[in-house]
Amino acid sequence: MATVPRVWPGKLLEAQGVPVDGNDLVDVVRDGREVSGKRKRLRQGDVVRVTDVVKERRTKRTKVRRGTVEVPTTKLEPGKRKVVREGRPGVRKVVAVKTLHNGEPAKYRVVKRKLVKDPRPRRVLVGRKPYAVAGTAGLNWGALADCESGGNPRAVNPAGYYGLYQFDVSTWRSVGGSGLPTAASAGEQTYRAKLLYKQRGRSPWPNCGRLL
């Protein structure tokens, strides 16, 4: 918009019937360059440039990654994985202000973020080797298992003995086992048999303990 001298830009716009609100930008261009401050009082030949500014407030919901928690366990063979809980993503509410200059996007600013639903991580069991038990490495655990159960980690004796080393439930629990021995991996059964040996020697296997 061409100007007349000695007038403030706002007065000129008002006189010309150009609507301007508090968001709009009003610049004065003099000799091809913008001017500011007191120099904005118009001179002959100045151009008033009006930028129509619209601010739109927008709210959206975004997903928050659930993540994964890996839990080492001897209940699975080393390297095997088992998902025990799928988990779920969380939800975050994001409030942003989008600024348009003459209808074109000029700025996008996030003004608020709020977590409205916590994510629940996926839980995965990961098999690992049982911890070593001092004083048991040189013993023949394979021979003991063959004698007790035919080497079958799922073997069940009707008298109440389970797994490779024919644990009864109370003995199994006394060395930290949970559930039935037959539900544990062969590696965990061997680990708990070593713990039992550490406590009581060959006595839990009166018939086959001689093979260790």
N, C-alpha and C. Protein backbone atom coordinates (compact mmCIF):
# COMPACT_ATOMS: atom_id res chain seq x y z
N MET A 1 0.85 -1.18 0.00
CA MET A 1 0.00 0.00 0.00
C MET A 1 0.89 1.24 0.00
N ALA A 2 0.77 2.12 -1.01
CA ALA A 2 1.54 3.36 -1.05
C ALA A 2 1.03 4.30 0.03
N THR A 3 1.88 5.22 0.45
CA THR A 3 1.56 6.04 1.61
C THR A 3 1.57 7.52 1.32
N VAL A 4 1.04 8.24 2.30
CA VAL A 4 1.18 9.70 2.33
C VAL A 4 2.07 10.02 3.52
N PRO A 5 2.84 11.11 3.49
CA PRO A 5 3.81 11.37 4.55
C PRO A 5 3.18 11.84 5.85
N ARG A 6 4.01 11.71 6.95
CA ARG A 6 3.71 12.24 8.27
C ARG A 6 2.51 11.58 8.94
N VAL A 7 2.25 10.35 8.59
CA VAL A 7 1.12 9.62 9.18
C VAL A 7 1.65 8.31 9.77
N TRP A 8 1.08 7.90 10.89
CA TRP A 8 1.42 6.59 11.44
C TRP A 8 0.72 5.50 10.62
N PRO A 9 1.35 4.32 10.47
CA PRO A 9 0.77 3.27 9.63
C PRO A 9 -0.67 2.92 10.02
N GLY A 10 -0.94 2.84 11.34
CA GLY A 10 -2.28 2.47 11.77
C GLY A 10 -3.34 3.44 11.31
N LYS A 11 -3.00 4.73 11.34
CA LYS A 11 -3.95 5.75 10.89
C LYS A 11 -4.25 5.61 9.40
N LEU A 12 -3.19 5.31 8.64
CA LEU A 12 -3.37 5.15 7.20
C LEU A 12 -4.27 3.95 6.91
N LEU A 13 -4.03 2.85 7.59
CA LEU A 13 -4.84 1.65 7.36
C LEU A 13 -6.29 1.90 7.74
N GLU A 14 -6.48 2.59 8.85
CA GLU A 14 -7.85 2.90 9.28
C GLU A 14 -8.55 3.77 8.25
N ALA A 15 -7.81 4.75 7.72
CA ALA A 15 -8.41 5.66 6.72
C ALA A 15 -8.76 4.92 5.44
N GLN A 16 -7.98 3.89 5.13
CA GLN A 16 -8.21 3.14 3.90
C GLN A 16 -9.21 2.00 4.10
N GLY A 17 -9.68 1.82 5.34
CA GLY A 17 -10.66 0.76 5.60
C GLY A 17 -10.06 -0.63 5.61
N VAL A 18 -8.77 -0.73 5.92
CA VAL A 18 -8.10 -2.04 5.97
C VAL A 18 -8.20 -2.56 7.41
N PRO A 19 -8.90 -3.68 7.64
CA PRO A 19 -9.04 -4.20 9.00
C PRO A 19 -7.73 -4.82 9.50
N VAL A 20 -7.35 -4.47 10.69
CA VAL A 20 -6.13 -5.02 11.30
C VAL A 20 -6.46 -5.36 12.75
N ASP A 21 -6.09 -6.57 13.19
CA ASP A 21 -6.29 -6.90 14.60
C ASP A 21 -4.94 -7.03 15.30
N GLY A 22 -5.00 -7.39 16.58
CA GLY A 22 -3.78 -7.42 17.38
C GLY A 22 -2.77 -8.47 16.97
N ASN A 23 -3.18 -9.47 16.19
CA ASN A 23 -2.25 -10.50 15.74
C ASN A 23 -1.52 -10.11 14.46
N ASP A 24 -2.12 -9.23 13.66
CA ASP A 24 -1.56 -8.92 12.35
C ASP A 24 -0.23 -8.17 12.48
N LEU A 25 0.60 -8.32 11.45
CA LEU A 25 1.89 -7.65 11.40
C LEU A 25 1.81 -6.48 10.43
N VAL A 26 2.26 -5.33 10.89
CA VAL A 26 2.29 -4.14 10.04
C VAL A 26 3.73 -3.68 9.91
N ASP A 27 4.26 -3.70 8.70
CA ASP A 27 5.65 -3.30 8.45
C ASP A 27 5.68 -2.09 7.52
N VAL A 28 6.69 -1.28 7.71
CA VAL A 28 6.93 -0.15 6.82
C VAL A 28 8.19 -0.44 6.01
N VAL A 29 8.06 -0.38 4.70
CA VAL A 29 9.20 -0.63 3.81
C VAL A 29 9.63 0.71 3.22
N ARG A 30 10.90 1.04 3.44
CA ARG A 30 11.45 2.31 2.95
C ARG A 30 12.72 2.01 2.16
N ASP A 31 12.71 2.43 0.93
CA ASP A 31 13.86 2.19 0.05
C ASP A 31 14.23 0.71 0.02
N GLY A 32 13.21 -0.14 0.00
CA GLY A 32 13.43 -1.58 -0.13
C GLY A 32 13.76 -2.29 1.16
N ARG A 33 13.80 -1.57 2.29
CA ARG A 33 14.13 -2.20 3.57
C ARG A 33 13.09 -1.86 4.63
N GLU A 34 12.88 -2.83 5.55
CA GLU A 34 11.94 -2.59 6.63
C GLU A 34 12.53 -1.62 7.64
N VAL A 35 11.68 -0.76 8.20
CA VAL A 35 12.12 0.15 9.25
C VAL A 35 11.32 -0.15 10.50
N SER A 36 11.84 0.31 11.66
CA SER A 36 11.18 -0.01 12.92
C SER A 36 11.23 1.19 13.85
N GLY A 37 10.59 1.03 15.02
CA GLY A 37 10.63 2.06 16.04
C GLY A 37 9.98 3.35 15.58
N LYS A 38 10.58 4.48 16.03
CA LYS A 38 10.01 5.80 15.71
C LYS A 38 10.06 6.10 14.22
N ARG A 39 10.95 5.43 13.52
CA ARG A 39 11.06 5.70 12.08
C ARG A 39 9.86 5.18 11.31
N LYS A 40 8.98 4.47 12.00
CA LYS A 40 7.79 3.96 11.31
C LYS A 40 6.80 5.08 10.95
N ARG A 41 7.02 6.27 11.47
CA ARG A 41 6.17 7.40 11.03
C ARG A 41 6.44 7.61 9.55
N LEU A 42 5.40 7.59 8.77
CA LEU A 42 5.54 7.45 7.33
C LEU A 42 6.14 8.68 6.66
N ARG A 43 6.92 8.39 5.63
CA ARG A 43 7.47 9.42 4.76
C ARG A 43 6.94 9.19 3.35
N GLN A 44 7.12 10.20 2.52
CA GLN A 44 6.71 10.06 1.12
C GLN A 44 7.44 8.89 0.48
N GLY A 45 6.68 8.03 -0.18
CA GLY A 45 7.27 6.90 -0.88
C GLY A 45 7.34 5.62 -0.08
N ASP A 46 7.06 5.69 1.24
CA ASP A 46 7.05 4.47 2.05
C ASP A 46 5.89 3.56 1.62
N VAL A 47 6.08 2.28 1.88
CA VAL A 47 5.04 1.28 1.59
C VAL A 47 4.68 0.59 2.90
N VAL A 48 3.39 0.50 3.16
CA VAL A 48 2.91 -0.23 4.34
C VAL A 48 2.54 -1.64 3.91
N ARG A 49 3.14 -2.60 4.58
CA ARG A 49 2.87 -4.00 4.25
C ARG A 49 2.15 -4.65 5.43
N VAL A 50 0.99 -5.21 5.16
CA VAL A 50 0.17 -5.84 6.19
C VAL A 50 0.19 -7.35 5.99
N THR A 51 0.54 -8.06 7.05
CA THR A 51 0.49 -9.52 7.02
C THR A 51 -0.66 -9.99 7.89
N ASP A 52 -1.62 -10.65 7.27
CA ASP A 52 -2.77 -11.16 8.01
C ASP A 52 -2.33 -12.39 8.80
N VAL A 53 -2.40 -12.30 10.12
CA VAL A 53 -1.94 -13.38 10.98
C VAL A 53 -3.14 -14.04 11.66
N VAL A 54 -3.25 -15.35 11.48
CA VAL A 54 -4.30 -16.13 12.13
C VAL A 54 -3.64 -17.21 12.97
N LYS A 55 -4.08 -17.33 14.23
CA LYS A 55 -3.54 -18.35 15.12
C LYS A 55 -4.63 -19.37 15.42
N GLU A 56 -4.34 -20.62 15.10
CA GLU A 56 -5.30 -21.70 15.31
C GLU A 56 -4.79 -22.61 16.43
N ARG A 57 -5.60 -22.80 17.43
CA ARG A 57 -5.25 -23.69 18.54
C ARG A 57 -5.77 -25.09 18.23
N ARG A 58 -4.88 -26.05 18.27
CA ARG A 58 -5.26 -27.42 17.90
C ARG A 58 -4.87 -28.39 19.01
N THR A 59 -5.73 -29.38 19.22
CA THR A 59 -5.48 -30.42 20.21
C THR A 59 -5.52 -31.78 19.52
N LYS A 60 -4.51 -32.59 19.78
CA LYS A 60 -4.51 -33.94 19.21
C LYS A 60 -3.96 -34.91 20.25
N ARG A 61 -4.23 -36.18 20.03
CA ARG A 61 -3.74 -37.24 20.91
C ARG A 61 -2.73 -38.09 20.13
N THR A 62 -1.61 -38.35 20.77
CA THR A 62 -0.57 -39.14 20.14
C THR A 62 -0.26 -40.36 20.99
N LYS A 63 0.22 -41.41 20.33
CA LYS A 63 0.59 -42.63 21.05
C LYS A 63 1.97 -42.48 21.68
N VAL A 64 2.13 -43.10 22.85
CA VAL A 64 3.42 -43.16 23.53
C VAL A 64 3.88 -44.62 23.47
N ARG A 65 5.09 -44.85 22.97
CA ARG A 65 5.60 -46.22 22.80
C ARG A 65 5.54 -46.99 24.12
N ARG A 66 5.16 -48.24 24.00
CA ARG A 66 5.00 -49.06 25.20
C ARG A 66 6.34 -49.53 25.76
N GLY A 67 7.34 -49.70 24.89
CA GLY A 67 8.63 -50.21 25.35
C GLY A 67 8.57 -51.70 25.65
N THR A 68 9.72 -52.28 25.94
CA THR A 68 9.82 -53.71 26.25
C THR A 68 10.74 -53.91 27.44
N VAL A 69 10.29 -54.72 28.38
CA VAL A 69 11.11 -55.11 29.53
C VAL A 69 11.48 -56.57 29.36
N GLU A 70 12.79 -56.85 29.35
CA GLU A 70 13.27 -58.23 29.24
C GLU A 70 13.68 -58.73 30.62
N VAL A 71 13.18 -59.91 30.98
CA VAL A 71 13.44 -60.47 32.30
C VAL A 71 14.20 -61.79 32.13
N PRO A 72 15.45 -61.85 32.56
CA PRO A 72 16.19 -63.11 32.46
C PRO A 72 15.55 -64.19 33.34
N THR A 73 15.56 -65.42 32.85
CA THR A 73 14.99 -66.51 33.63
C THR A 73 15.68 -67.82 33.27
N THR A 74 15.77 -68.70 34.24
CA THR A 74 16.29 -70.04 33.98
C THR A 74 15.16 -71.01 33.66
N LYS A 75 13.92 -70.52 33.65
CA LYS A 75 12.79 -71.40 33.36
C LYS A 75 12.68 -71.70 31.86
N LEU A 76 13.42 -70.97 31.04
CA LEU A 76 13.46 -71.22 29.61
C LEU A 76 14.88 -71.61 29.22
N GLU A 77 14.98 -72.35 28.13
CA GLU A 77 16.31 -72.69 27.63
C GLU A 77 17.03 -71.41 27.21
N PRO A 78 18.35 -71.37 27.35
CA PRO A 78 19.10 -70.16 26.98
C PRO A 78 18.79 -69.69 25.56
N GLY A 79 18.50 -68.41 25.43
CA GLY A 79 18.21 -67.82 24.12
C GLY A 79 16.74 -67.81 23.74
N LYS A 80 15.94 -68.65 24.37
CA LYS A 80 14.51 -68.66 24.05
C LYS A 80 13.81 -67.48 24.71
N ARG A 81 12.75 -67.02 24.05
CA ARG A 81 12.00 -65.86 24.54
C ARG A 81 10.52 -66.21 24.64
N LYS A 82 9.87 -65.64 25.63
CA LYS A 82 8.44 -65.87 25.81
C LYS A 82 7.78 -64.57 26.26
N VAL A 83 6.78 -64.13 25.48
CA VAL A 83 6.03 -62.92 25.83
C VAL A 83 4.99 -63.30 26.88
N VAL A 84 5.07 -62.68 28.05
CA VAL A 84 4.11 -62.98 29.11
C VAL A 84 3.09 -61.85 29.29
N ARG A 85 3.38 -60.70 28.70
CA ARG A 85 2.41 -59.60 28.71
C ARG A 85 2.65 -58.72 27.48
N GLU A 86 1.60 -58.51 26.70
CA GLU A 86 1.76 -57.73 25.48
C GLU A 86 1.95 -56.24 25.76
N GLY A 87 1.42 -55.77 26.86
CA GLY A 87 1.52 -54.34 27.14
C GLY A 87 0.58 -53.52 26.27
N ARG A 88 0.73 -52.22 26.35
CA ARG A 88 -0.13 -51.33 25.56
C ARG A 88 0.56 -49.97 25.45
N PRO A 89 0.29 -49.24 24.37
CA PRO A 89 0.85 -47.89 24.26
C PRO A 89 0.11 -46.93 25.18
N GLY A 90 0.78 -45.85 25.54
CA GLY A 90 0.12 -44.80 26.30
C GLY A 90 -0.46 -43.76 25.36
N VAL A 91 -1.09 -42.76 25.94
CA VAL A 91 -1.70 -41.68 25.16
C VAL A 91 -1.27 -40.34 25.75
N ARG A 92 -0.83 -39.45 24.87
CA ARG A 92 -0.44 -38.11 25.29
C ARG A 92 -1.28 -37.08 24.55
N LYS A 93 -1.81 -36.12 25.29
CA LYS A 93 -2.55 -35.02 24.67
C LYS A 93 -1.58 -33.87 24.39
N VAL A 94 -1.62 -33.39 23.16
CA VAL A 94 -0.72 -32.32 22.74
C VAL A 94 -1.56 -31.13 22.27
N VAL A 95 -1.30 -29.98 22.86
CA VAL A 95 -1.98 -28.74 22.46
C VAL A 95 -0.95 -27.87 21.75
N ALA A 96 -1.29 -27.42 20.54
CA ALA A 96 -0.35 -26.62 19.75
C ALA A 96 -1.07 -25.43 19.13
N VAL A 97 -0.30 -24.42 18.80
CA VAL A 97 -0.82 -23.25 18.11
C VAL A 97 -0.16 -23.18 16.73
N LYS A 98 -0.99 -23.20 15.70
CA LYS A 98 -0.51 -23.08 14.33
C LYS A 98 -0.74 -21.65 13.85
N THR A 99 0.32 -21.01 13.38
CA THR A 99 0.23 -19.62 12.94
C THR A 99 0.28 -19.57 11.42
N LEU A 100 -0.68 -18.86 10.83
CA LEU A 100 -0.75 -18.67 9.38
C LEU A 100 -0.47 -17.21 9.05
N HIS A 101 0.39 -17.00 8.06
CA HIS A 101 0.64 -15.65 7.53
C HIS A 101 0.03 -15.58 6.14
N ASN A 102 -0.99 -14.75 6.02
CA ASN A 102 -1.70 -14.64 4.73
C ASN A 102 -2.15 -16.00 4.22
N GLY A 103 -2.62 -16.83 5.15
CA GLY A 103 -3.15 -18.14 4.80
C GLY A 103 -2.13 -19.24 4.65
N GLU A 104 -0.83 -18.90 4.74
CA GLU A 104 0.22 -19.90 4.59
C GLU A 104 0.81 -20.25 5.96
N PRO A 105 1.09 -21.55 6.21
CA PRO A 105 1.69 -21.93 7.50
C PRO A 105 3.02 -21.22 7.72
N ALA A 106 3.18 -20.63 8.91
CA ALA A 106 4.42 -19.93 9.22
C ALA A 106 5.10 -20.48 10.47
N LYS A 107 4.32 -21.00 11.40
CA LYS A 107 4.90 -21.47 12.65
C LYS A 107 3.97 -22.49 13.28
N TYR A 108 4.59 -23.48 13.95
CA TYR A 108 3.82 -24.48 14.68
C TYR A 108 4.49 -24.63 16.04
N ARG A 109 3.78 -24.31 17.10
CA ARG A 109 4.39 -24.31 18.43
C ARG A 109 3.54 -25.12 19.39
N VAL A 110 4.18 -26.10 20.03
CA VAL A 110 3.50 -26.90 21.05
C VAL A 110 3.50 -26.11 22.36
N VAL A 111 2.32 -25.93 22.92
CA VAL A 111 2.20 -25.14 24.15
C VAL A 111 1.92 -26.00 25.38
N LYS A 112 1.49 -27.25 25.16
CA LYS A 112 1.19 -28.10 26.31
C LYS A 112 1.23 -29.57 25.91
N ARG A 113 1.84 -30.38 26.77
CA ARG A 113 1.82 -31.83 26.62
C ARG A 113 1.36 -32.44 27.94
N LYS A 114 0.46 -33.41 27.84
CA LYS A 114 -0.02 -34.06 29.06
C LYS A 114 -0.24 -35.55 28.80
N LEU A 115 0.35 -36.38 29.66
CA LEU A 115 0.15 -37.83 29.55
C LEU A 115 -1.19 -38.19 30.17
N VAL A 116 -2.10 -38.71 29.35
CA VAL A 116 -3.45 -39.03 29.85
C VAL A 116 -3.64 -40.52 30.09
N LYS A 117 -2.75 -41.35 29.53
CA LYS A 117 -2.78 -42.79 29.82
C LYS A 117 -1.34 -43.30 29.81
N ASP A 118 -0.92 -43.90 30.92
CA ASP A 118 0.45 -44.41 31.01
C ASP A 118 0.64 -45.62 30.10
N PRO A 119 1.80 -45.71 29.43
CA PRO A 119 2.08 -46.92 28.65
C PRO A 119 2.38 -48.08 29.59
N ARG A 120 2.05 -49.27 29.16
CA ARG A 120 2.38 -50.47 29.92
C ARG A 120 3.37 -51.28 29.08
N PRO A 121 4.59 -51.50 29.56
CA PRO A 121 5.60 -52.15 28.73
C PRO A 121 5.28 -53.62 28.44
N ARG A 122 5.74 -54.05 27.29
CA ARG A 122 5.69 -55.47 26.93
C ARG A 122 6.70 -56.21 27.80
N ARG A 123 6.31 -57.34 28.34
CA ARG A 123 7.18 -58.09 29.25
C ARG A 123 7.57 -59.40 28.58
N VAL A 124 8.87 -59.61 28.48
CA VAL A 124 9.39 -60.79 27.77
C VAL A 124 10.37 -61.53 28.67
N LEU A 125 10.13 -62.82 28.85
CA LEU A 125 11.09 -63.67 29.56
C LEU A 125 12.15 -64.12 28.57
N VAL A 126 13.41 -64.06 28.99
CA VAL A 126 14.52 -64.45 28.13
C VAL A 126 15.32 -65.53 28.85
N GLY A 127 15.41 -66.70 28.23
CA GLY A 127 16.14 -67.80 28.85
C GLY A 127 17.63 -67.52 28.96
N ARG A 128 18.21 -67.92 30.06
CA ARG A 128 19.65 -67.77 30.26
C ARG A 128 20.19 -69.03 30.93
N LYS A 129 21.49 -69.15 30.91
CA LYS A 129 22.11 -70.28 31.59
C LYS A 129 21.98 -70.10 33.10
N PRO A 130 21.73 -71.19 33.82
CA PRO A 130 21.68 -71.08 35.28
C PRO A 130 23.03 -70.65 35.83
N TYR A 131 22.99 -70.01 36.96
CA TYR A 131 24.24 -69.63 37.62
C TYR A 131 25.01 -70.89 38.03
N ALA A 132 26.33 -70.78 38.00
CA ALA A 132 27.16 -71.91 38.42
C ALA A 132 27.05 -72.10 39.93
N VAL A 133 27.14 -73.34 40.36
CA VAL A 133 27.13 -73.66 41.79
C VAL A 133 28.48 -74.27 42.12
N ALA A 134 29.22 -73.60 42.98
CA ALA A 134 30.58 -74.03 43.30
C ALA A 134 30.58 -75.47 43.82
N GLY A 135 31.58 -76.24 43.36
CA GLY A 135 31.75 -77.60 43.85
C GLY A 135 30.92 -78.65 43.16
N THR A 136 30.19 -78.28 42.08
CA THR A 136 29.32 -79.25 41.42
C THR A 136 29.65 -79.44 39.94
N ALA A 137 30.61 -78.68 39.42
CA ALA A 137 30.86 -78.69 37.98
C ALA A 137 31.42 -80.02 37.49
N GLY A 138 32.20 -80.72 38.30
CA GLY A 138 32.84 -81.95 37.83
C GLY A 138 31.99 -83.19 37.99
N LEU A 139 30.78 -83.05 38.44
CA LEU A 139 29.91 -84.21 38.67
C LEU A 139 29.14 -84.57 37.40
N ASN A 140 28.74 -85.84 37.31
CA ASN A 140 28.09 -86.35 36.10
C ASN A 140 26.56 -86.24 36.24
N TRP A 141 26.05 -85.05 35.96
CA TRP A 141 24.62 -84.81 36.12
C TRP A 141 23.80 -85.51 35.04
N GLY A 142 24.39 -85.71 33.88
CA GLY A 142 23.70 -86.44 32.83
C GLY A 142 23.43 -87.88 33.23
N ALA A 143 24.42 -88.52 33.88
CA ALA A 143 24.24 -89.90 34.32
C ALA A 143 23.17 -89.98 35.40
N LEU A 144 23.17 -89.01 36.32
CA LEU A 144 22.15 -89.01 37.37
C LEU A 144 20.75 -88.86 36.77
N ALA A 145 20.61 -87.95 35.79
CA ALA A 145 19.30 -87.74 35.16
C ALA A 145 18.84 -88.99 34.41
N ASP A 146 19.77 -89.64 33.69
CA ASP A 146 19.41 -90.86 32.96
C ASP A 146 18.91 -91.94 33.92
N CYS A 147 19.57 -92.04 35.06
CA CYS A 147 19.18 -93.06 36.03
C CYS A 147 17.84 -92.74 36.69
N GLU A 148 17.62 -91.49 37.04
CA GLU A 148 16.41 -91.11 37.77
C GLU A 148 15.16 -91.07 36.88
N SER A 149 15.33 -90.56 35.65
CA SER A 149 14.13 -90.29 34.82
C SER A 149 14.27 -90.70 33.37
N GLY A 150 15.37 -91.39 33.03
CA GLY A 150 15.60 -91.69 31.63
C GLY A 150 15.98 -90.44 30.84
N GLY A 151 16.41 -89.39 31.55
CA GLY A 151 16.81 -88.15 30.88
C GLY A 151 15.63 -87.31 30.39
N ASN A 152 14.46 -87.55 30.96
CA ASN A 152 13.24 -86.85 30.52
C ASN A 152 12.86 -85.75 31.51
N PRO A 153 12.99 -84.47 31.12
CA PRO A 153 12.66 -83.38 32.06
C PRO A 153 11.17 -83.29 32.39
N ARG A 154 10.33 -84.02 31.65
CA ARG A 154 8.88 -84.00 31.91
C ARG A 154 8.40 -85.29 32.58
N ALA A 155 9.33 -86.10 33.04
CA ALA A 155 8.97 -87.38 33.67
C ALA A 155 8.19 -87.15 34.96
N VAL A 156 7.16 -87.97 35.17
CA VAL A 156 6.34 -87.89 36.39
C VAL A 156 6.20 -89.29 36.97
N ASN A 157 6.56 -89.42 38.25
CA ASN A 157 6.37 -90.67 38.98
C ASN A 157 5.08 -90.54 39.78
N PRO A 158 4.16 -91.51 39.67
CA PRO A 158 2.89 -91.42 40.39
C PRO A 158 3.05 -91.24 41.90
N ALA A 159 4.22 -91.58 42.42
CA ALA A 159 4.44 -91.42 43.86
C ALA A 159 4.68 -89.97 44.25
N GLY A 160 4.74 -89.06 43.24
CA GLY A 160 4.90 -87.64 43.55
C GLY A 160 6.28 -87.09 43.30
N TYR A 161 6.98 -87.67 42.30
CA TYR A 161 8.32 -87.18 41.95
C TYR A 161 8.32 -86.71 40.50
N TYR A 162 9.08 -85.63 40.25
CA TYR A 162 8.95 -84.96 38.95
C TYR A 162 10.31 -84.60 38.35
N GLY A 163 10.34 -84.69 37.02
CA GLY A 163 11.45 -84.12 36.26
C GLY A 163 12.69 -84.98 36.19
N LEU A 164 13.76 -84.36 35.68
CA LEU A 164 15.02 -85.07 35.45
C LEU A 164 15.55 -85.76 36.69
N TYR A 165 15.44 -85.09 37.83
CA TYR A 165 16.08 -85.58 39.06
C TYR A 165 15.06 -86.03 40.09
N GLN A 166 13.80 -86.18 39.64
CA GLN A 166 12.72 -86.72 40.47
C GLN A 166 12.60 -86.00 41.83
N PHE A 167 12.44 -84.70 41.72
CA PHE A 167 12.16 -83.89 42.91
C PHE A 167 10.74 -84.16 43.40
N ASP A 168 10.56 -84.18 44.72
CA ASP A 168 9.19 -83.99 45.21
C ASP A 168 8.98 -82.48 45.36
N VAL A 169 7.72 -82.07 45.48
CA VAL A 169 7.42 -80.64 45.42
C VAL A 169 8.06 -79.87 46.57
N SER A 170 8.05 -80.41 47.77
CA SER A 170 8.61 -79.69 48.92
C SER A 170 10.12 -79.51 48.77
N THR A 171 10.80 -80.53 48.25
CA THR A 171 12.25 -80.40 48.04
C THR A 171 12.55 -79.38 46.96
N TRP A 172 11.75 -79.43 45.91
CA TRP A 172 11.92 -78.46 44.81
C TRP A 172 11.80 -77.02 45.33
N ARG A 173 10.83 -76.79 46.16
CA ARG A 173 10.62 -75.44 46.69
C ARG A 173 11.71 -75.05 47.68
N SER A 174 12.30 -76.04 48.35
CA SER A 174 13.34 -75.74 49.34
C SER A 174 14.60 -75.18 48.68
N VAL A 175 14.76 -75.42 47.38
CA VAL A 175 15.92 -74.87 46.67
C VAL A 175 15.51 -73.75 45.71
N GLY A 176 14.35 -73.16 45.99
CA GLY A 176 13.95 -71.96 45.24
C GLY A 176 13.08 -72.19 44.04
N GLY A 177 12.66 -73.43 43.78
CA GLY A 177 11.81 -73.68 42.63
C GLY A 177 10.38 -73.22 42.87
N SER A 178 9.66 -72.96 41.80
CA SER A 178 8.24 -72.60 41.91
C SER A 178 7.45 -73.47 40.95
N GLY A 179 6.17 -73.69 41.28
CA GLY A 179 5.36 -74.58 40.45
C GLY A 179 5.88 -76.00 40.56
N LEU A 180 5.71 -76.76 39.48
CA LEU A 180 6.22 -78.13 39.44
C LEU A 180 7.56 -78.17 38.71
N PRO A 181 8.45 -79.07 39.09
CA PRO A 181 9.73 -79.19 38.39
C PRO A 181 9.58 -79.43 36.89
N THR A 182 8.54 -80.16 36.51
CA THR A 182 8.35 -80.47 35.09
C THR A 182 8.00 -79.24 34.25
N ALA A 183 7.61 -78.14 34.90
CA ALA A 183 7.32 -76.91 34.16
C ALA A 183 8.58 -76.08 33.92
N ALA A 184 9.67 -76.45 34.58
CA ALA A 184 10.93 -75.72 34.44
C ALA A 184 11.77 -76.31 33.31
N SER A 185 12.69 -75.50 32.80
CA SER A 185 13.59 -76.00 31.76
C SER A 185 14.55 -77.03 32.36
N ALA A 186 15.16 -77.82 31.48
CA ALA A 186 16.15 -78.79 31.94
C ALA A 186 17.30 -78.08 32.64
N GLY A 187 17.67 -76.90 32.13
CA GLY A 187 18.76 -76.15 32.75
C GLY A 187 18.43 -75.74 34.17
N GLU A 188 17.19 -75.28 34.39
CA GLU A 188 16.83 -74.88 35.75
C GLU A 188 16.76 -76.10 36.67
N GLN A 189 16.26 -77.21 36.17
CA GLN A 189 16.20 -78.42 37.00
C GLN A 189 17.60 -78.85 37.44
N THR A 190 18.55 -78.77 36.52
CA THR A 190 19.93 -79.13 36.86
C THR A 190 20.51 -78.15 37.87
N TYR A 191 20.23 -76.88 37.67
CA TYR A 191 20.72 -75.86 38.61
C TYR A 191 20.20 -76.13 40.01
N ARG A 192 18.92 -76.45 40.14
CA ARG A 192 18.34 -76.66 41.47
C ARG A 192 18.80 -78.00 42.06
N ALA A 193 19.08 -78.96 41.19
CA ALA A 193 19.66 -80.22 41.68
C ALA A 193 21.05 -79.97 42.26
N LYS A 194 21.80 -79.07 41.64
CA LYS A 194 23.13 -78.73 42.16
C LYS A 194 23.02 -78.03 43.52
N LEU A 195 22.02 -77.14 43.65
CA LEU A 195 21.81 -76.50 44.95
C LEU A 195 21.47 -77.53 46.01
N LEU A 196 20.65 -78.51 45.64
CA LEU A 196 20.28 -79.57 46.58
C LEU A 196 21.50 -80.40 46.97
N TYR A 197 22.33 -80.71 45.98
CA TYR A 197 23.56 -81.46 46.26
C TYR A 197 24.45 -80.67 47.22
N LYS A 198 24.52 -79.36 47.00
CA LYS A 198 25.34 -78.50 47.86
C LYS A 198 24.86 -78.58 49.31
N GLN A 199 23.56 -78.75 49.51
CA GLN A 199 22.98 -78.82 50.86
C GLN A 199 23.10 -80.21 51.48
N ARG A 200 22.85 -81.25 50.65
CA ARG A 200 22.65 -82.58 51.23
C ARG A 200 23.49 -83.68 50.59
N GLY A 201 24.35 -83.31 49.67
CA GLY A 201 25.18 -84.33 49.03
C GLY A 201 24.36 -85.27 48.16
N ARG A 202 24.75 -86.57 48.11
CA ARG A 202 24.07 -87.55 47.26
C ARG A 202 22.80 -88.13 47.90
N SER A 203 22.54 -87.79 49.15
CA SER A 203 21.46 -88.46 49.89
C SER A 203 20.07 -88.31 49.27
N PRO A 204 19.73 -87.21 48.55
CA PRO A 204 18.39 -87.15 47.94
C PRO A 204 18.17 -88.19 46.84
N TRP A 205 19.26 -88.84 46.37
CA TRP A 205 19.14 -89.84 45.30
C TRP A 205 19.79 -91.14 45.78
N PRO A 206 19.14 -91.83 46.68
CA PRO A 206 19.77 -93.01 47.31
C PRO A 206 20.14 -94.11 46.33
N ASN A 207 19.41 -94.24 45.23
CA ASN A 207 19.71 -95.30 44.28
C ASN A 207 20.67 -94.87 43.18
N CYS A 208 20.56 -93.63 42.74
CA CYS A 208 21.33 -93.18 41.58
C CYS A 208 22.45 -92.20 41.92
N GLY A 209 22.49 -91.73 43.17
CA GLY A 209 23.48 -90.73 43.54
C GLY A 209 24.91 -91.19 43.35
N ARG A 210 25.13 -92.51 43.38
CA ARG A 210 26.49 -93.06 43.20
C ARG A 210 27.06 -92.73 41.83
N LEU A 211 26.20 -92.40 40.86
CA LEU A 211 26.66 -92.13 39.49
C LEU A 211 27.22 -90.72 39.32
N LEU A 212 27.02 -89.86 40.29
CA LEU A 212 27.54 -88.49 40.18
C LEU A 212 29.07 -88.48 40.17
